[in-house]
């Protein structure tokens, strides 16, 4: 993916009662909910999505996570939060809309052990691919405060005083999102994260204060139910 690519979003407020051939329908045309947009910019972790001629600072633009292709739905007029990067994906979503209830009913009525077992195996494999257990061990170092600056000004300074992007409400939010797993905020204090990855086993949430003022931590968690920041917060609750 790159700037200039065409993408699609789902807008539930866009209702069409004719299909692409002009035929009248007795309900909304599902394919008509999908609207073309473009990648018009990017940050370290996000794609900026808008109309082809949109300004990068237009408040109607969307900020989409590059890894998950998910965006916030807080002020996006009923959008479902998922970015579609090809017409094939849009067609698949439309097929799902037309068929998943039918298939669900067929599964409900099915009493064939072998068929249901295969369905179960497929679904469990999909869940395993989506998330994994991760294990980090590292150090949290409190970031220096200059001239009694407030946390918001501290975050702004680290971001080199760039203009606050319209997608963020504060420099704190911007720093934590743009440098995810590099900085964390706990108890109104900003920390720099230094960590190493280890092979996972069972969950661990551990932290210990050091003589030099840093905090050692070790966390191991399933990232399908817990974020890195939440894991750090859990570890700091039981700091030694």
Protein backbone atom coordinates (compact mmCIF):
# COMPACT_ATOMS: atom_id res chain seq x y z
CA UNK A 1 0.00 0.00 0.00
CA UNK A 2 1.13 3.54 -0.73
CA UNK A 3 -0.08 7.12 -1.02
CA UNK A 4 -2.41 7.44 -4.00
CA UNK A 5 -3.92 3.95 -3.71
CA UNK A 6 -7.69 3.64 -3.97
CA UNK A 7 -9.44 2.08 -0.95
CA UNK A 8 -13.03 1.59 0.24
CA UNK A 9 -14.89 2.33 3.46
CA UNK A 10 -18.35 1.27 4.62
CA UNK A 11 -20.74 4.17 5.27
CA UNK A 12 -24.04 3.06 6.79
CA UNK A 13 -25.50 6.56 6.22
CA UNK A 14 -25.14 6.21 2.45
CA UNK A 15 -28.39 4.57 1.32
CA UNK A 16 -29.14 3.64 -2.30
CA UNK A 17 -32.36 1.99 -3.45
CA UNK A 18 -31.11 1.20 -6.94
CA UNK A 19 -28.34 -1.21 -7.88
CA UNK A 20 -25.45 -0.42 -10.25
CA UNK A 21 -27.70 -1.24 -13.24
CA UNK A 22 -30.43 1.18 -12.16
CA UNK A 23 -32.87 -1.48 -10.99
CA UNK A 24 -35.15 -0.37 -8.15
CA UNK A 25 -34.87 -2.36 -4.93
CA UNK A 26 -37.25 -2.82 -2.00
CA UNK A 27 -34.35 -2.35 0.42
CA UNK A 28 -30.98 -0.57 0.50
CA UNK A 29 -28.41 -1.85 -1.98
CA UNK A 30 -25.67 -3.24 0.24
CA UNK A 31 -22.90 -2.65 -2.29
CA UNK A 32 -23.88 1.02 -2.31
CA UNK A 33 -22.71 1.43 1.28
CA UNK A 34 -19.08 1.08 0.14
CA UNK A 35 -17.50 4.38 -0.81
CA UNK A 36 -14.26 4.98 -2.69
CA UNK A 37 -11.53 6.89 -0.89
CA UNK A 38 -7.78 7.35 -1.34
CA UNK A 39 -4.65 7.13 0.76
CA UNK A 40 -3.65 10.80 0.85
CA UNK A 41 -0.93 10.71 3.53
CA UNK A 42 0.70 8.68 6.25
CA UNK A 43 2.31 8.76 9.69
CA UNK A 44 4.65 6.22 11.24
CA UNK A 45 1.82 3.87 12.18
CA UNK A 46 -1.18 5.09 10.19
CA UNK A 47 -2.54 5.72 6.71
CA UNK A 48 -4.49 8.94 6.21
CA UNK A 49 -7.68 8.26 4.21
CA UNK A 50 -9.78 10.91 2.46
CA UNK A 51 -11.17 12.06 -0.85
CA UNK A 52 -8.69 12.21 -3.73
CA UNK A 53 -8.34 16.01 -3.52
CA UNK A 54 -8.65 16.28 0.28
CA UNK A 55 -6.21 18.31 2.33
CA UNK A 56 -4.09 16.23 4.70
CA UNK A 57 -5.53 18.25 7.62
CA UNK A 58 -9.20 17.85 6.62
CA UNK A 59 -11.13 16.80 9.74
CA UNK A 60 -13.26 14.35 7.75
CA UNK A 61 -10.16 12.28 6.96
CA UNK A 62 -9.67 8.94 8.69
CA UNK A 63 -6.53 7.69 10.42
CA UNK A 64 -6.17 3.95 9.77
CA UNK A 65 -3.76 1.68 11.62
CA UNK A 66 -1.27 0.32 9.05
CA UNK A 67 -1.08 -3.09 10.71
CA UNK A 68 -4.73 -3.81 11.48
CA UNK A 69 -6.38 -1.54 8.84
CA UNK A 70 -8.87 -0.51 11.53
CA UNK A 71 -9.85 3.04 12.39
CA UNK A 72 -11.80 4.78 15.15
CA UNK A 73 -15.54 5.13 14.58
CA UNK A 74 -16.08 7.93 17.13
CA UNK A 75 -16.90 10.68 14.63
CA UNK A 76 -17.12 8.88 11.31
CA UNK A 77 -20.83 8.91 10.50
CA UNK A 78 -21.62 5.25 11.01
CA UNK A 79 -18.52 3.77 9.41
CA UNK A 80 -17.78 0.26 10.58
CA UNK A 81 -14.08 0.80 11.29
CA UNK A 82 -12.53 -1.51 8.66
CA UNK A 83 -10.59 -0.44 5.58
CA UNK A 84 -11.05 -2.41 2.35
CA UNK A 85 -8.06 -2.29 0.03
CA UNK A 86 -9.48 -4.00 -3.08
CA UNK A 87 -12.75 -4.48 -4.93
CA UNK A 88 -12.34 -8.20 -4.30
CA UNK A 89 -12.57 -7.56 -0.55
CA UNK A 90 -15.70 -5.46 -1.08
CA UNK A 91 -17.25 -8.26 -3.17
CA UNK A 92 -16.41 -10.78 -0.44
CA UNK A 93 -18.06 -8.59 2.19
CA UNK A 94 -21.19 -8.34 0.02
CA UNK A 95 -21.21 -12.13 -0.41
CA UNK A 96 -20.98 -12.54 3.36
CA UNK A 97 -23.93 -10.20 3.83
CA UNK A 98 -26.02 -12.24 1.40
CA UNK A 99 -25.01 -15.67 2.68
CA UNK A 100 -23.84 -15.76 6.29
CA UNK A 101 -27.35 -15.90 7.78
CA UNK A 102 -28.28 -18.71 5.39
CA UNK A 103 -25.15 -20.66 6.32
CA UNK A 104 -25.73 -19.97 10.01
CA UNK A 105 -29.19 -21.50 9.74
CA UNK A 106 -27.83 -24.53 7.89
CA UNK A 107 -25.24 -25.07 10.63
CA UNK A 108 -27.92 -24.73 13.31
CA UNK A 109 -29.95 -27.50 11.72
CA UNK A 110 -26.97 -29.74 10.95
CA UNK A 111 -26.56 -32.90 13.05
CA UNK A 112 -23.62 -34.36 11.14
CA UNK A 113 -20.65 -34.77 13.51
CA UNK A 114 -17.96 -34.80 10.79
CA UNK A 115 -19.26 -31.63 9.11
CA UNK A 116 -19.56 -29.70 12.37
CA UNK A 117 -16.13 -30.89 13.51
CA UNK A 118 -14.54 -29.54 10.32
CA UNK A 119 -16.31 -26.21 10.79
CA UNK A 120 -15.04 -26.03 14.36
CA UNK A 121 -11.44 -26.75 13.26
CA UNK A 122 -11.56 -24.02 10.61
CA UNK A 123 -12.89 -21.43 13.06
CA UNK A 124 -10.34 -22.30 15.75
CA UNK A 125 -7.46 -22.01 13.26
CA UNK A 126 -8.67 -18.53 12.27
CA UNK A 127 -8.72 -17.43 15.91
CA UNK A 128 -5.18 -18.74 16.47
CA UNK A 129 -3.84 -16.75 13.49
CA UNK A 130 -5.34 -13.46 14.71
CA UNK A 131 -3.60 -13.25 18.09
CA UNK A 132 -0.65 -14.71 19.96
CA UNK A 133 0.97 -14.78 23.35
CA UNK A 134 3.91 -12.36 23.59
CA UNK A 135 6.69 -12.10 26.19
CA UNK A 136 8.73 -8.93 26.84
CA UNK A 137 11.43 -8.15 29.40
CA UNK A 138 12.87 -4.66 29.68
CA UNK A 139 13.34 -1.31 31.41
CA UNK A 140 11.10 1.73 31.86
CA UNK A 141 13.08 4.96 32.19
CA UNK A 142 11.32 8.11 33.35
CA UNK A 143 11.65 10.79 30.67
CA UNK A 144 13.34 13.97 31.89
CA UNK A 145 11.07 16.93 32.67
CA UNK A 146 12.45 20.32 31.59
CA UNK A 147 11.65 23.55 33.47
CA UNK A 148 8.66 22.04 35.35
CA UNK A 149 6.89 21.37 32.05
CA UNK A 150 3.49 19.69 32.12
CA UNK A 151 3.04 16.21 30.67
CA UNK A 152 1.30 17.59 27.58
CA UNK A 153 4.20 19.98 26.86
CA UNK A 154 6.69 17.19 27.52
CA UNK A 155 5.03 15.00 24.88
CA UNK A 156 4.92 17.95 22.47
CA UNK A 157 8.67 18.51 22.96
CA UNK A 158 9.49 14.87 22.22
CA UNK A 159 7.45 15.17 19.03
CA UNK A 160 9.65 18.15 18.07
CA UNK A 161 6.73 20.55 18.56
CA UNK A 162 5.09 19.48 15.30
CA UNK A 163 1.55 20.67 14.70
CA UNK A 164 -1.01 18.47 16.43
CA UNK A 165 -2.70 16.32 13.79
CA UNK A 166 -6.45 16.71 13.65
CA UNK A 167 -6.98 13.02 14.45
CA UNK A 168 -5.64 13.45 18.01
CA UNK A 169 -7.08 15.30 20.97
CA UNK A 170 -3.72 15.87 22.66
CA UNK A 171 0.04 15.48 22.21
CA UNK A 172 -0.08 12.72 24.85
CA UNK A 173 -2.41 10.68 22.64
CA UNK A 174 -0.35 11.48 19.54
CA UNK A 175 2.94 10.39 21.14
CA UNK A 176 1.57 7.14 22.58
CA UNK A 177 -0.08 6.18 19.27
CA UNK A 178 2.67 7.23 16.89
CA UNK A 179 5.37 5.63 19.07
CA UNK A 180 3.39 2.65 20.34
CA UNK A 181 5.48 0.42 22.65
CA UNK A 182 8.23 3.08 22.69
CA UNK A 183 6.61 5.41 25.25
CA UNK A 184 3.97 4.74 27.90
CA UNK A 185 2.22 6.99 30.41
CA UNK A 186 1.53 5.72 33.92
CA UNK A 187 0.30 7.78 36.86
CA UNK A 188 0.82 11.01 34.86
CA UNK A 189 4.49 10.12 34.28
CA UNK A 190 6.05 9.50 30.84
CA UNK A 191 8.40 6.52 30.44
CA UNK A 192 10.72 5.42 27.65
CA UNK A 193 10.39 1.67 26.93
CA UNK A 194 13.40 -0.56 26.24
CA UNK A 195 12.47 -4.22 25.79
CA UNK A 196 13.45 -7.61 24.41
CA UNK A 197 11.15 -10.32 23.11
CA UNK A 198 11.20 -13.86 24.59
CA UNK A 199 9.47 -17.13 23.80
CA UNK A 200 5.99 -17.17 25.40
CA UNK A 201 4.68 -19.56 28.05
CA UNK A 202 2.33 -18.49 30.86
CA UNK A 203 1.17 -14.93 31.67
CA UNK A 204 3.55 -12.71 33.66
CA UNK A 205 3.00 -9.13 34.91
CA UNK A 206 6.08 -8.14 36.93
CA UNK A 207 7.89 -4.88 37.70
CA UNK A 208 10.60 -3.77 40.13
CA UNK A 209 12.04 -0.36 41.00
CA UNK A 210 15.81 0.03 40.53
CA UNK A 211 18.28 2.16 42.50
CA UNK A 212 18.90 4.43 39.50
CA UNK A 213 15.20 5.33 39.29
CA UNK A 214 14.38 3.08 36.33
CA UNK A 215 11.81 0.29 36.51
CA UNK A 216 12.56 -3.25 35.34
CA UNK A 217 9.60 -5.13 33.94
CA UNK A 218 8.67 -8.52 32.55
CA UNK A 219 5.34 -9.17 30.88
CA UNK A 220 3.96 -12.17 29.06
CA UNK A 221 0.37 -12.04 27.83
CA UNK A 222 -2.07 -13.02 25.09
CA UNK A 223 -2.37 -9.99 22.83
CA UNK A 224 -5.83 -10.99 21.66
CA UNK A 225 -7.22 -9.90 25.03
CA UNK A 226 -4.67 -7.39 26.31
CA UNK A 227 -2.64 -4.54 24.79
CA UNK A 228 0.99 -3.73 25.58
CA UNK A 229 0.00 -0.64 27.57
CA UNK A 230 -2.56 -2.60 29.61
CA UNK A 231 0.05 -5.26 30.37
CA UNK A 232 2.51 -2.60 31.60
CA UNK A 233 -0.22 -1.05 33.77
CA UNK A 234 -0.95 -4.45 35.33
CA UNK A 235 2.75 -4.98 36.04
CA UNK A 236 3.11 -1.54 37.66
CA UNK A 237 0.18 -2.21 39.99
CA UNK A 238 2.32 -4.82 41.76
CA UNK A 239 5.67 -3.08 41.59
CA UNK A 240 8.24 -4.28 44.16
